[in-house]
Amino acid sequence: MNKTIIGALVGASVLAGGCGAVVREVERLAVRSSPSIGTPTSASSPTGSPGAGDLKQAAQAALGAVPGSTLVSIETEENGSLWEVQVVGKDGTEHQLDVESGKVVAGPTTEQEDADDKAKHRARVSAAKLDYAQAADKIVAAVPEGRVTELNLDTEQGKTVWEADVIGADGVKHEVAVDAATGAVTRNNAATS
C-alpha cells in the first residue's frame, strides 16, 4: 500500500476517532500491507478469502488471547484458512490456539510440560531479539513474493533461530532460517524433487 494512501487513512482516522484510532489503523494497515506473509494465493486457497491465511493477523489474535505471551510457532493448516499457533507465557508455559480469519476458534489450551521444557522455552524467548513479525519480514525478503506457511523459534547449531517453510511464487518450497539474535539469514534451501 503506498504511503500517500496510508497517510490519508491515518489522517482520516485522527479526525474520526482520535489517537487511539490512529494506532489501531496503523496496526491494521501494517498487517494488511504485508500480503506475502502467509496470505494464500487464489490457487492455494479454495475460498480465496482475503486475510484468511494472514500470519501476522493470526499471530496477533493468538497473542491477544494469552496476554503477556510470546509467539514461538505458527503453522497454516487446511489450505491457509486455519493457523495453529503456540505461544509461551512468561513462566515458560506453552499454550496452543487455532486461529481462523483473525479470530481464535479453539484454545488456548495449556500444554502439560515439565520444568525443563519450560526453562527451554524461556531460554529461547530470552535469546530471540527478533520477534515473529521481524523474522517473517526477513524471511520474505530472502524469498521475494514467498508465502510463509510455517514459522518456529528453535535452536540450530547452538543458536536460537526462526525456522520457516516458504512457498515461492514458482511453487517451490524453501526452508529458511534467520538468526533470532542478529537477523541474519543462516539458511535458504529450495526443496529439490
Protein backbone atom coordinates (compact mmCIF):
# COMPACT_ATOMS: atom_id res chain seq x y z
CA MET A 1 0.00 0.00 0.00
CA ASN A 2 1.59 3.30 -0.89
CA LYS A 3 2.47 5.91 1.69
CA THR A 4 0.07 8.52 0.30
CA ILE A 5 -2.93 6.27 0.86
CA ILE A 6 -1.72 5.28 4.32
CA GLY A 7 -1.21 8.95 5.20
CA ALA A 8 -4.71 9.83 4.05
CA LEU A 9 -6.23 6.95 6.02
CA VAL A 10 -4.31 7.86 9.16
CA GLY A 11 -5.37 11.50 8.77
CA ALA A 12 -9.00 10.47 8.40
CA SER A 13 -8.67 8.25 11.48
CA VAL A 14 -7.37 11.16 13.56
CA LEU A 15 -10.34 13.28 12.54
CA ALA A 16 -12.79 10.45 13.16
CA GLY A 17 -11.53 8.84 16.32
CA GLY A 18 -8.50 10.45 17.91
CA CYS A 19 -5.06 8.99 18.63
CA GLY A 20 -6.28 5.53 19.72
CA ALA A 21 -7.92 5.13 16.34
CA VAL A 22 -4.65 6.10 14.65
CA VAL A 23 -2.72 3.37 16.44
CA ARG A 24 -5.34 0.74 15.58
CA GLU A 25 -5.49 1.87 11.94
CA VAL A 26 -1.70 1.88 11.54
CA GLU A 27 -1.50 -1.62 13.07
CA ARG A 28 -4.28 -2.82 10.78
CA LEU A 29 -2.58 -1.33 7.72
CA ALA A 30 0.79 -2.79 8.71
CA VAL A 31 -0.75 -6.25 8.78
CA ARG A 32 -2.65 -5.69 5.52
CA SER A 33 0.40 -4.27 3.70
CA SER A 34 2.39 -7.49 4.13
CA PRO A 35 0.32 -9.79 1.92
CA SER A 36 3.15 -12.18 1.15
CA ILE A 37 3.50 -13.22 4.78
CA GLY A 38 1.19 -16.18 4.83
CA THR A 39 -1.55 -14.89 2.59
CA PRO A 40 -2.63 -17.69 0.32
CA THR A 41 -2.89 -17.14 -3.38
CA SER A 42 -6.15 -17.96 -5.08
CA ALA A 43 -4.55 -21.15 -6.35
CA SER A 44 -3.77 -22.35 -2.81
CA SER A 45 -6.97 -21.23 -1.13
CA PRO A 46 -10.26 -22.62 -2.32
CA THR A 47 -12.17 -19.68 -0.90
CA GLY A 48 -9.66 -17.03 -1.91
CA SER A 49 -10.93 -15.04 1.06
CA PRO A 50 -8.74 -12.04 1.84
CA GLY A 51 -6.76 -12.33 5.06
CA ALA A 52 -7.76 -15.97 5.69
CA GLY A 53 -4.14 -17.00 5.79
CA ASP A 54 -2.56 -13.86 7.17
CA LEU A 55 0.23 -14.93 9.52
CA LYS A 56 0.51 -11.61 11.33
CA GLN A 57 -3.24 -11.29 11.82
CA ALA A 58 -3.44 -14.84 13.20
CA ALA A 59 -0.44 -14.20 15.46
CA GLN A 60 -1.97 -11.03 16.89
CA ALA A 61 -5.23 -12.84 17.65
CA ALA A 62 -3.36 -15.60 19.49
CA LEU A 63 -1.19 -13.16 21.43
CA GLY A 64 -4.28 -11.20 22.43
CA ALA A 65 -5.87 -14.37 23.81
CA VAL A 66 -2.87 -15.07 26.08
CA PRO A 67 -1.77 -11.67 27.45
CA GLY A 68 1.95 -11.26 28.07
CA SER A 69 2.86 -14.24 25.90
CA THR A 70 5.41 -14.61 23.09
CA LEU A 71 4.72 -16.41 19.83
CA VAL A 72 7.06 -19.38 19.29
CA SER A 73 5.34 -21.28 16.48
CA ILE A 74 2.71 -20.68 13.82
CA GLU A 75 1.73 -23.01 11.00
CA THR A 76 -1.00 -22.84 8.42
CA GLU A 77 -3.42 -25.74 8.08
CA GLU A 78 -6.36 -26.51 5.78
CA ASN A 79 -5.00 -24.67 2.71
CA GLY A 80 -4.29 -21.49 4.62
CA SER A 81 -7.69 -20.99 6.21
CA LEU A 82 -6.58 -22.05 9.71
CA TRP A 83 -3.45 -21.29 11.71
CA GLU A 84 -2.15 -23.48 14.54
CA VAL A 85 -0.32 -21.18 16.94
CA GLN A 86 1.83 -21.83 20.01
CA VAL A 87 2.64 -19.04 22.43
CA VAL A 88 4.71 -19.14 25.61
CA GLY A 89 3.84 -17.29 28.80
CA LYS A 90 6.44 -15.55 30.97
CA ASP A 91 6.77 -18.68 33.13
CA GLY A 92 7.58 -20.83 30.06
CA THR A 93 4.16 -22.47 29.83
CA GLU A 94 3.16 -23.20 26.24
CA HIS A 95 -0.39 -22.56 25.04
CA GLN A 96 -1.86 -23.78 21.77
CA LEU A 97 -4.58 -21.99 19.80
CA ASP A 98 -6.28 -22.32 16.44
CA VAL A 99 -6.98 -19.08 14.59
CA GLU A 100 -9.19 -18.61 11.54
CA SER A 101 -9.86 -15.30 9.77
CA GLY A 102 -8.15 -13.40 12.59
CA LYS A 103 -10.27 -14.97 15.36
CA VAL A 104 -9.35 -17.64 17.90
CA VAL A 105 -11.58 -20.64 17.14
CA ALA A 106 -10.03 -23.13 19.59
CA GLY A 107 -8.00 -22.72 22.74
CA PRO A 108 -5.98 -21.58 24.35
CA THR A 109 -5.11 -24.98 25.73
CA THR A 110 -2.20 -25.34 28.09
CA GLU A 111 0.47 -27.90 27.27
CA GLN A 112 1.47 -30.17 30.16
CA GLU A 113 5.24 -29.75 30.34
CA ASP A 114 7.90 -30.27 32.97
CA ALA A 115 10.23 -27.64 34.42
CA ASP A 116 12.99 -28.44 31.88
CA ASP A 117 10.65 -27.82 28.93
CA LYS A 118 9.51 -24.53 30.43
CA ALA A 119 13.12 -23.48 31.04
CA LYS A 120 13.97 -24.29 27.40
CA HIS A 121 11.07 -22.13 26.20
CA ARG A 122 12.15 -19.22 28.44
CA ALA A 123 15.76 -19.50 27.22
CA ARG A 124 14.74 -19.39 23.54
CA VAL A 125 12.40 -16.46 24.07
CA SER A 126 15.09 -14.62 26.02
CA ALA A 127 17.72 -15.25 23.30
CA ALA A 128 15.46 -14.02 20.49
CA LYS A 129 16.00 -10.33 19.79
CA LEU A 130 13.70 -10.55 16.72
CA ASP A 131 10.04 -11.27 17.28
CA TYR A 132 7.95 -13.36 14.91
CA ALA A 133 6.94 -10.34 12.75
CA GLN A 134 10.52 -9.13 12.28
CA ALA A 135 11.62 -12.68 11.46
CA ALA A 136 8.79 -13.10 8.94
CA ASP A 137 9.80 -9.85 7.23
CA LYS A 138 13.43 -11.06 6.95
CA ILE A 139 12.25 -14.41 5.58
CA VAL A 140 10.00 -12.85 2.94
CA ALA A 141 12.92 -10.61 1.91
CA ALA A 142 15.01 -13.78 1.42
CA VAL A 143 12.31 -15.39 -0.76
CA PRO A 144 10.70 -12.48 -2.63
CA GLU A 145 6.98 -12.99 -3.24
CA GLY A 146 7.15 -16.05 -0.99
CA ARG A 147 4.34 -17.15 1.33
CA VAL A 148 5.37 -18.21 4.84
CA THR A 149 3.42 -21.34 5.79
CA GLU A 150 5.29 -22.22 8.98
CA LEU A 151 7.47 -20.27 11.41
CA ASN A 152 9.10 -21.70 14.55
CA LEU A 153 11.52 -20.46 17.19
CA ASP A 154 14.10 -23.23 17.56
CA THR A 155 17.75 -24.00 18.23
CA GLU A 156 20.11 -24.83 15.38
CA GLN A 157 23.83 -25.48 15.87
CA GLY A 158 23.69 -23.91 19.33
CA LYS A 159 21.96 -20.70 18.17
CA THR A 160 18.37 -19.60 18.56
CA VAL A 161 16.81 -19.25 15.11
CA TRP A 162 13.48 -18.64 13.46
CA GLU A 163 12.93 -21.51 11.01
CA ALA A 164 10.37 -21.18 8.24
CA ASP A 165 8.81 -23.02 5.36
CA VAL A 166 8.13 -20.65 2.49
CA ILE A 167 6.35 -21.35 -0.78
CA GLY A 168 7.93 -19.28 -3.54
CA ALA A 169 5.99 -17.58 -6.32
CA ASP A 170 7.04 -20.50 -8.53
CA GLY A 171 5.51 -23.01 -6.09
CA VAL A 172 8.88 -24.26 -4.82
CA LYS A 173 9.17 -24.82 -1.07
CA HIS A 174 12.09 -23.07 0.64
CA GLU A 175 13.43 -23.81 4.11
CA VAL A 176 14.76 -20.58 5.58
CA ALA A 177 16.42 -19.90 8.93
CA VAL A 178 17.10 -16.49 10.45
CA ASP A 179 19.39 -15.94 13.44
CA ALA A 180 16.96 -14.74 16.12
CA ALA A 181 19.63 -12.53 17.72
CA THR A 182 21.16 -10.84 14.65
CA GLY A 183 18.50 -11.16 11.93
CA ALA A 184 20.99 -12.72 9.52
CA VAL A 185 19.64 -15.36 7.14
CA THR A 186 21.60 -18.51 8.01
CA ARG A 187 19.87 -20.93 5.62
CA ASN A 188 17.79 -20.64 2.45
CA ASN A 189 17.36 -24.01 0.77
CA ALA A 190 14.94 -24.66 -2.05
CA ALA A 191 13.49 -28.15 -1.90
CA THR A 192 14.60 -30.44 -4.68
CA SER A 193 12.49 -33.16 -6.19
